Amino acid sequence: MSKDQGTPRRIQTNSSSWFTRTYLGWGWWVIFWPLYPLSDSLGPLGPFTQYLSWLTHVGKSLDTMVLCMVASLSILISYRLKHQNQRRYPKPFSTF
């Protein structure tokens, strides 16, 4: 893109330092200021994103519960106890 189109140069470049600063800034905000969620600054899109994130979390937890239950149930069903004809305790020593 040429410089004479009226847009600032900082928007046209894709420098890695800009991406790094942006991602670190968002990460810093999320980690150190959790009382101020980013959805508050999204305007009318904020409640929708909160609803969507809660829906995602609930869906992931239900999916995990179903998958873990199926896995553990299949392990329990496939488990076959080996019947051994041995005593549970060793025989006592013979006396002389």
Protein backbone atom coordinates (compact mmCIF):
# COMPACT_ATOMS: atom_id res chain seq x y z
CA MET A 1 0.00 0.00 0.00
CA SER A 2 1.23 3.47 -0.71
CA LYS A 3 1.69 6.14 1.94
CA ASP A 4 -0.41 8.75 0.15
CA GLN A 5 -3.79 7.10 0.80
CA GLY A 6 -4.32 9.03 4.01
CA THR A 7 -3.94 6.17 6.50
CA PRO A 8 -1.17 6.28 9.08
CA ARG A 9 1.85 4.06 8.49
CA ARG A 10 1.55 2.32 11.88
CA ILE A 11 -1.71 0.67 10.75
CA GLN A 12 -0.22 -0.58 7.50
CA THR A 13 2.80 -2.35 8.99
CA ASN A 14 2.66 -5.82 10.44
CA SER A 15 5.65 -5.64 12.72
CA SER A 16 6.17 -8.35 15.28
CA SER A 17 6.86 -5.78 18.01
CA TRP A 18 3.35 -4.34 17.60
CA PHE A 19 1.78 -7.80 17.89
CA THR A 20 3.97 -8.62 20.88
CA ARG A 21 3.04 -5.43 22.71
CA THR A 22 -0.65 -5.97 21.98
CA TYR A 23 -0.73 -9.58 23.17
CA LEU A 24 1.35 -8.82 26.26
CA GLY A 25 -0.93 -5.90 27.08
CA TRP A 26 -4.05 -8.06 26.85
CA GLY A 27 -2.37 -10.80 28.86
CA TRP A 28 -1.29 -8.29 31.52
CA TRP A 29 -4.85 -6.97 31.75
CA VAL A 30 -6.40 -10.43 32.05
CA ILE A 31 -3.93 -11.65 34.69
CA PHE A 32 -3.49 -8.61 36.91
CA TRP A 33 -6.87 -6.86 36.64
CA PRO A 34 -9.49 -9.63 36.73
CA LEU A 35 -11.99 -7.36 38.51
CA TYR A 36 -12.40 -5.36 35.32
CA PRO A 37 -13.32 -7.84 32.59
CA LEU A 38 -12.61 -6.89 29.02
CA SER A 39 -16.24 -7.45 28.10
CA ASP A 40 -17.13 -4.22 29.93
CA SER A 41 -15.24 -2.23 27.33
CA LEU A 42 -16.99 -3.91 24.40
CA GLY A 43 -20.22 -1.98 24.75
CA PRO A 44 -23.38 -3.82 23.69
CA LEU A 45 -21.28 -6.80 22.60
CA GLY A 46 -20.07 -7.32 26.20
CA PRO A 47 -23.05 -9.23 27.65
CA PHE A 48 -23.15 -11.43 24.56
CA THR A 49 -19.47 -12.36 24.94
CA GLN A 50 -19.96 -13.11 28.64
CA TYR A 51 -22.94 -15.33 27.82
CA LEU A 52 -20.95 -17.04 25.07
CA SER A 53 -17.98 -17.68 27.37
CA TRP A 54 -20.21 -19.16 30.09
CA LEU A 55 -21.96 -21.31 27.50
CA THR A 56 -18.58 -22.53 26.26
CA HIS A 57 -17.41 -23.37 29.79
CA VAL A 58 -20.60 -25.27 30.59
CA GLY A 59 -20.40 -27.15 27.30
CA LYS A 60 -16.78 -28.11 27.90
CA SER A 61 -17.53 -29.33 31.42
CA LEU A 62 -20.51 -31.42 30.28
CA ASP A 63 -18.46 -32.86 27.44
CA THR A 64 -15.66 -33.76 29.85
CA MET A 65 -18.06 -35.39 32.27
CA VAL A 66 -19.60 -37.50 29.51
CA LEU A 67 -16.23 -38.51 28.05
CA CYS A 68 -14.74 -39.40 31.43
CA MET A 69 -17.83 -41.36 32.42
CA VAL A 70 -17.78 -43.33 29.17
CA ALA A 71 -14.06 -44.02 29.51
CA SER A 72 -14.26 -45.15 33.12
CA LEU A 73 -17.40 -47.20 32.48
CA SER A 74 -15.79 -48.98 29.54
CA ILE A 75 -12.74 -49.77 31.68
CA LEU A 76 -14.95 -51.17 34.43
CA ILE A 77 -16.95 -53.27 31.97
CA SER A 78 -13.87 -54.68 30.26
CA TYR A 79 -12.12 -55.53 33.53
CA ARG A 80 -12.00 -59.28 34.15
CA LEU A 81 -10.88 -60.49 37.52
CA LYS A 82 -8.38 -63.31 37.28
CA HIS A 83 -9.48 -66.19 39.46
CA GLN A 84 -6.51 -67.77 41.12
CA ASN A 85 -6.65 -71.11 42.85
CA GLN A 86 -3.96 -70.15 45.30
CA ARG A 87 -4.52 -69.42 48.93
CA ARG A 88 -4.68 -65.91 50.04
CA TYR A 89 -2.00 -66.46 52.67
CA PRO A 90 1.05 -68.72 52.36
CA LYS A 91 1.04 -72.12 54.01
CA PRO A 92 2.50 -72.19 57.50
CA PHE A 93 5.95 -73.65 58.00
CA SER A 94 6.05 -77.34 58.72
CA THR A 95 7.26 -78.27 62.16
CA PHE A 96 10.12 -80.73 62.64
